[in-house]
PDB file of N, CA and C in Angstrom:
ATOM      1  N   UNK A   1      -4.575   6.200   9.600  1.00  0.00           N
ATOM      2  CA  UNK A   1      -5.086   7.369   8.890  1.00  0.00           C
ATOM      3  C   UNK A   1      -4.748   7.587   7.540  1.00  0.00           C
ATOM      4  N   UNK A   2      -5.795   7.771   6.821  1.00  0.00           N
ATOM      5  CA  UNK A   2      -5.627   7.730   5.259  1.00  0.00           C
ATOM      6  C   UNK A   2      -4.942   9.091   4.827  1.00  0.00           C
ATOM      7  N   UNK A   3      -4.085   9.037   3.941  1.00  0.00           N
ATOM      8  CA  UNK A   3      -3.381  10.358   3.268  1.00  0.00           C
ATOM      9  C   UNK A   3      -4.054  10.429   1.848  1.00  0.00           C
ATOM     10  N   UNK A   4      -4.256  11.616   1.560  1.00  0.00           N
ATOM     11  CA  UNK A   4      -4.759  11.811   0.042  1.00  0.00           C
ATOM     12  C   UNK A   4      -3.428  12.706  -0.734  1.00  0.00           C
ATOM     13  N   UNK A   5      -3.462  12.340  -1.954  1.00  0.00           N
ATOM     14  CA  UNK A   5      -2.550  12.932  -2.816  1.00  0.00           C
ATOM     15  C   UNK A   5      -3.165  13.566  -4.041  1.00  0.00           C
ATOM     16  N   UNK A   6      -2.549  14.626  -4.636  1.00  0.00           N
ATOM     17  CA  UNK A   6      -3.058  15.248  -5.818  1.00  0.00           C
ATOM     18  C   UNK A   6      -2.145  14.681  -6.926  1.00  0.00           C
ATOM     19  N   UNK A   7      -2.242  13.904  -8.153  1.00  0.00           N
ATOM     20  CA  UNK A   7      -1.339  13.586  -9.115  1.00  0.00           C
ATOM     21  C   UNK A   7      -1.401  14.613 -10.070  1.00  0.00           C
ATOM     22  N   UNK A   8      -0.154  15.483 -10.041  1.00  0.00           N
ATOM     23  CA  UNK A   8      -0.100  16.760 -10.906  1.00  0.00           C
ATOM     24  C   UNK A   8      -0.024  16.331 -12.462  1.00  0.00           C
ATOM     25  N   UNK A   9       0.483  15.099 -12.606  1.00  0.00           N
ATOM     26  CA  UNK A   9       0.399  14.584 -13.971  1.00  0.00           C
ATOM     27  C   UNK A   9      -0.970  14.163 -14.586  1.00  0.00           C
ATOM     28  N   UNK A  10      -1.719  13.531 -13.755  1.00  0.00           N
ATOM     29  CA  UNK A  10      -3.166  12.983 -14.272  1.00  0.00           C
ATOM     30  C   UNK A  10      -4.146  13.841 -13.893  1.00  0.00           C
ATOM     31  N   UNK A  11      -3.906  14.770 -12.804  1.00  0.00           N
ATOM     32  CA  UNK A  11      -5.041  15.630 -12.291  1.00  0.00           C
ATOM     33  C   UNK A  11      -6.097  14.817 -11.395  1.00  0.00           C
ATOM     34  N   UNK A  12      -5.531  13.645 -10.998  1.00  0.00           N
ATOM     35  CA  UNK A  12      -6.595  12.787 -10.240  1.00  0.00           C
ATOM     36  C   UNK A  12      -6.070  13.002  -8.708  1.00  0.00           C
ATOM     37  N   UNK A  13      -7.191  12.563  -8.005  1.00  0.00           N
ATOM     38  CA  UNK A  13      -6.780  12.635  -6.509  1.00  0.00           C
ATOM     39  C   UNK A  13      -6.423  11.025  -6.122  1.00  0.00           C
ATOM     40  N   UNK A  14      -5.600  10.717  -5.396  1.00  0.00           N
ATOM     41  CA  UNK A  14      -5.310   9.284  -5.051  1.00  0.00           C
ATOM     42  C   UNK A  14      -5.346   9.211  -3.520  1.00  0.00           C
ATOM     43  N   UNK A  15      -5.849   7.951  -3.166  1.00  0.00           N
ATOM     44  CA  UNK A  15      -5.814   7.651  -1.691  1.00  0.00           C
ATOM     45  C   UNK A  15      -4.523   6.792  -1.574  1.00  0.00           C
ATOM     46  N   UNK A  16      -3.651   7.396  -0.740  1.00  0.00           N
ATOM     47  CA  UNK A  16      -2.150   6.867  -0.507  1.00  0.00           C
ATOM     48  C   UNK A  16      -1.336   7.084  -1.583  1.00  0.00           C
ATOM     49  N   UNK A  17      -0.167   6.697  -1.359  1.00  0.00           N
ATOM     50  CA  UNK A  17       0.864   6.819  -2.477  1.00  0.00           C
ATOM     51  C   UNK A  17       0.703   5.833  -3.566  1.00  0.00           C
ATOM     52  N   UNK A  18       0.129   6.196  -4.700  1.00  0.00           N
ATOM     53  CA  UNK A  18      -0.039   5.270  -5.851  1.00  0.00           C
ATOM     54  C   UNK A  18       0.807   5.418  -6.907  1.00  0.00           C
ATOM     55  N   UNK A  19       1.537   6.752  -7.065  1.00  0.00           N
ATOM     56  CA  UNK A  19       2.218   7.138  -7.975  1.00  0.00           C
ATOM     57  C   UNK A  19       3.653   7.519  -7.485  1.00  0.00           C
ATOM     58  N   UNK A  20       4.493   7.806  -8.395  1.00  0.00           N
ATOM     59  CA  UNK A  20       5.796   8.538  -8.128  1.00  0.00           C
ATOM     60  C   UNK A  20       5.661   9.736  -7.322  1.00  0.00           C
ATOM     61  N   UNK A  21       6.585   9.798  -6.344  1.00  0.00           N
ATOM     62  CA  UNK A  21       6.698  11.062  -5.523  1.00  0.00           C
ATOM     63  C   UNK A  21       6.769  12.216  -6.283  1.00  0.00           C
ATOM     64  N   UNK A  22       7.332  12.321  -7.351  1.00  0.00           N
ATOM     65  CA  UNK A  22       7.730  13.375  -8.203  1.00  0.00           C
ATOM     66  C   UNK A  22       6.237  13.825  -9.013  1.00  0.00           C
ATOM     67  N   UNK A  23       5.318  13.128  -8.948  1.00  0.00           N
ATOM     68  CA  UNK A  23       4.047  13.296  -9.589  1.00  0.00           C
ATOM     69  C   UNK A  23       3.004  13.781  -8.597  1.00  0.00           C
ATOM     70  N   UNK A  24       3.430  13.710  -7.362  1.00  0.00           N
ATOM     71  CA  UNK A  24       2.301  13.896  -6.260  1.00  0.00           C
ATOM     72  C   UNK A  24       2.617  15.320  -5.343  1.00  0.00           C
ATOM     73  N   UNK A  25       1.310  15.832  -5.261  1.00  0.00           N
ATOM     74  CA  UNK A  25       1.335  16.921  -4.240  1.00  0.00           C
ATOM     75  C   UNK A  25       0.595  16.454  -3.033  1.00  0.00           C
ATOM     76  N   UNK A  26       1.138  16.682  -1.984  1.00  0.00           N
ATOM     77  CA  UNK A  26       0.559  16.254  -0.625  1.00  0.00           C
ATOM     78  C   UNK A  26       1.433  15.681   0.195  1.00  0.00           C
ATOM     79  N   UNK A  27       1.048  15.256   1.308  1.00  0.00           N
ATOM     80  CA  UNK A  27      -0.058  14.505   1.701  1.00  0.00           C
ATOM     81  C   UNK A  27      -1.170  15.629   2.109  1.00  0.00           C
ATOM     82  N   UNK A  28      -2.478  15.132   1.853  1.00  0.00           N
ATOM     83  CA  UNK A  28      -3.669  16.201   2.396  1.00  0.00           C
ATOM     84  C   UNK A  28      -4.528  15.145   3.341  1.00  0.00           C
ATOM     85  N   UNK A  29      -5.284  15.778   4.465  1.00  0.00           N
ATOM     86  CA  UNK A  29      -5.976  15.092   5.327  1.00  0.00           C
ATOM     87  C   UNK A  29      -7.324  14.517   4.658  1.00  0.00           C
ATOM     88  N   UNK A  30      -7.874  15.143   3.598  1.00  0.00           N
ATOM     89  CA  UNK A  30      -9.024  14.791   3.122  1.00  0.00           C
ATOM     90  C   UNK A  30      -8.995  14.791   1.596  1.00  0.00           C
ATOM     91  N   UNK A  31      -9.911  14.096   1.054  1.00  0.00           N
ATOM     92  CA  UNK A  31      -9.880  14.016  -0.471  1.00  0.00           C
ATOM     93  C   UNK A  31     -10.263  15.521  -1.059  1.00  0.00           C
ATOM     94  N   UNK A  32     -11.160  16.177  -0.436  1.00  0.00           N
ATOM     95  CA  UNK A  32     -11.557  17.462  -0.771  1.00  0.00           C
ATOM     96  C   UNK A  32     -10.281  18.426  -0.755  1.00  0.00           C
ATOM     97  N   UNK A  33      -9.463  18.407   0.266  1.00  0.00           N
ATOM     98  CA  UNK A  33      -8.318  19.168   0.345  1.00  0.00           C
ATOM     99  C   UNK A  33      -7.225  18.855  -0.902  1.00  0.00           C
ATOM    100  N   UNK A  34      -7.293  17.627  -1.158  1.00  0.00           N
ATOM    101  CA  UNK A  34      -6.415  17.105  -2.303  1.00  0.00           C
ATOM    102  C   UNK A  34      -6.948  17.571  -3.696  1.00  0.00           C
ATOM    103  N   UNK A  35      -8.193  17.597  -3.835  1.00  0.00           N
ATOM    104  CA  UNK A  35      -8.859  18.110  -4.883  1.00  0.00           C
ATOM    105  C   UNK A  35      -8.531  19.485  -4.981  1.00  0.00           C
ATOM    106  N   UNK A  36      -8.182  20.367  -4.135  1.00  0.00           N
ATOM    107  CA  UNK A  36      -8.093  21.833  -4.090  1.00  0.00           C
ATOM    108  C   UNK A  36      -6.657  22.128  -4.480  1.00  0.00           C
ATOM    109  N   UNK A  37      -5.910  21.128  -4.573  1.00  0.00           N
ATOM    110  CA  UNK A  37      -4.312  21.313  -4.716  1.00  0.00           C
ATOM    111  C   UNK A  37      -3.862  22.272  -5.835  1.00  0.00           C
ATOM    112  N   UNK A  38      -4.549  22.169  -6.966  1.00  0.00           N
ATOM    113  CA  UNK A  38      -4.106  23.109  -8.056  1.00  0.00           C
ATOM    114  C   UNK A  38      -4.515  24.568  -7.672  1.00  0.00           C
ATOM    115  N   UNK A  39      -5.472  24.792  -6.889  1.00  0.00           N
ATOM    116  CA  UNK A  39      -5.763  26.127  -6.606  1.00  0.00           C
ATOM    117  C   UNK A  39      -4.810  26.742  -5.467  1.00  0.00           C
ATOM    118  N   UNK A  40      -4.297  25.811  -4.415  1.00  0.00           N
ATOM    119  CA  UNK A  40      -3.413  25.991  -3.654  1.00  0.00           C
ATOM    120  C   UNK A  40      -2.180  26.388  -4.170  1.00  0.00           C
ATOM    121  N   UNK A  41      -1.725  25.516  -5.054  1.00  0.00           N
ATOM    122  CA  UNK A  41      -0.389  25.846  -5.737  1.00  0.00           C
ATOM    123  C   UNK A  41      -0.519  27.085  -6.394  1.00  0.00           C
ATOM    124  N   UNK A  42      -1.484  27.383  -7.184  1.00  0.00           N
ATOM    125  CA  UNK A  42      -1.485  28.835  -7.875  1.00  0.00           C
ATOM    126  C   UNK A  42      -1.395  30.060  -6.965  1.00  0.00           C
ATOM    127  N   UNK A  43      -2.108  29.726  -5.693  1.00  0.00           N
ATOM    128  CA  UNK A  43      -2.278  30.945  -4.736  1.00  0.00           C
ATOM    129  C   UNK A  43      -0.781  31.065  -4.230  1.00  0.00           C
ATOM    130  N   UNK A  44       0.125  29.960  -3.824  1.00  0.00           N
ATOM    131  CA  UNK A  44       1.263  29.960  -3.373  1.00  0.00           C
ATOM    132  C   UNK A  44       2.130  30.613  -4.338  1.00  0.00           C
ATOM    133  N   UNK A  45       2.146  30.293  -5.618  1.00  0.00           N
ATOM    134  CA  UNK A  45       3.078  30.820  -6.836  1.00  0.00           C
ATOM    135  C   UNK A  45       2.881  32.100  -6.939  1.00  0.00           C
ATOM    136  N   UNK A  46       1.577  32.655  -6.763  1.00  0.00           N
ATOM    137  CA  UNK A  46       1.190  34.316  -6.853  1.00  0.00           C
ATOM    138  C   UNK A  46       1.908  34.877  -5.703  1.00  0.00           C
ATOM    139  N   UNK A  47       1.877  34.312  -4.653  1.00  0.00           N
ATOM    140  CA  UNK A  47       2.271  34.943  -3.296  1.00  0.00           C
ATOM    141  C   UNK A  47       3.804  34.948  -3.447  1.00  0.00           C
ATOM    142  N   UNK A  48       4.367  34.001  -3.761  1.00  0.00           N
ATOM    143  CA  UNK A  48       5.874  33.818  -3.936  1.00  0.00           C
ATOM    144  C   UNK A  48       6.409  34.929  -4.930  1.00  0.00           C
ATOM    145  N   UNK A  49       5.679  34.951  -6.207  1.00  0.00           N
ATOM    146  CA  UNK A  49       5.947  36.059  -7.195  1.00  0.00           C
ATOM    147  C   UNK A  49       5.905  37.495  -6.536  1.00  0.00           C
ATOM    148  N   UNK A  50       4.760  37.734  -5.927  1.00  0.00           N
ATOM    149  CA  UNK A  50       4.655  38.938  -5.257  1.00  0.00           C
ATOM    150  C   UNK A  50       5.701  39.265  -4.418  1.00  0.00           C
ATOM    151  N   UNK A  51       6.155  38.385  -3.478  1.00  0.00           N
ATOM    152  CA  UNK A  51       7.218  38.521  -2.521  1.00  0.00           C
ATOM    153  C   UNK A  51       8.635  38.800  -3.378  1.00  0.00           C
ATOM    154  N   UNK A  52       8.888  38.227  -4.452  1.00  0.00           N
ATOM    155  CA  UNK A  52       9.969  38.397  -5.088  1.00  0.00           C
ATOM    156  C   UNK A  52       9.971  39.708  -5.801  1.00  0.00           C
ATOM    157  N   UNK A  53       9.037  40.032  -6.293  1.00  0.00           N
ATOM    158  CA  UNK A  53       8.742  41.350  -7.018  1.00  0.00           C
ATOM    159  C   UNK A  53       9.107  42.466  -5.911  1.00  0.00           C
ATOM    160  N   UNK A  54       8.574  42.396  -4.687  1.00  0.00           N
ATOM    161  CA  UNK A  54       8.674  43.368  -3.755  1.00  0.00           C
ATOM    162  C   UNK A  54      10.281  43.556  -3.222  1.00  0.00           C
ATOM    163  N   UNK A  55      10.855  42.286  -3.301  1.00  0.00           N
ATOM    164  CA  UNK A  55      12.278  42.208  -2.796  1.00  0.00           C
ATOM    165  C   UNK A  55      13.400  42.779  -3.863  1.00  0.00           C
ATOM    166  N   UNK A  56      12.774  43.151  -5.021  1.00  0.00           N
ATOM    167  CA  UNK A  56      13.785  43.552  -6.033  1.00  0.00           C
ATOM    168  C   UNK A  56      14.038  44.895  -5.839  1.00  0.00           C
TER     169      UNK A  56
END
């Protein structure tokens, strides 16, 4: 089964591990999911910030 990764350094989607793990987000099941990684990261960051603010 192919795994897809989003390279946070280059902004490119990669099939399999082609770069350093520290530069990758994933794995994702599809190329399309990997391409959405920046959106997913932003959504999670907003959610965590809201949870932190509510906990203060």
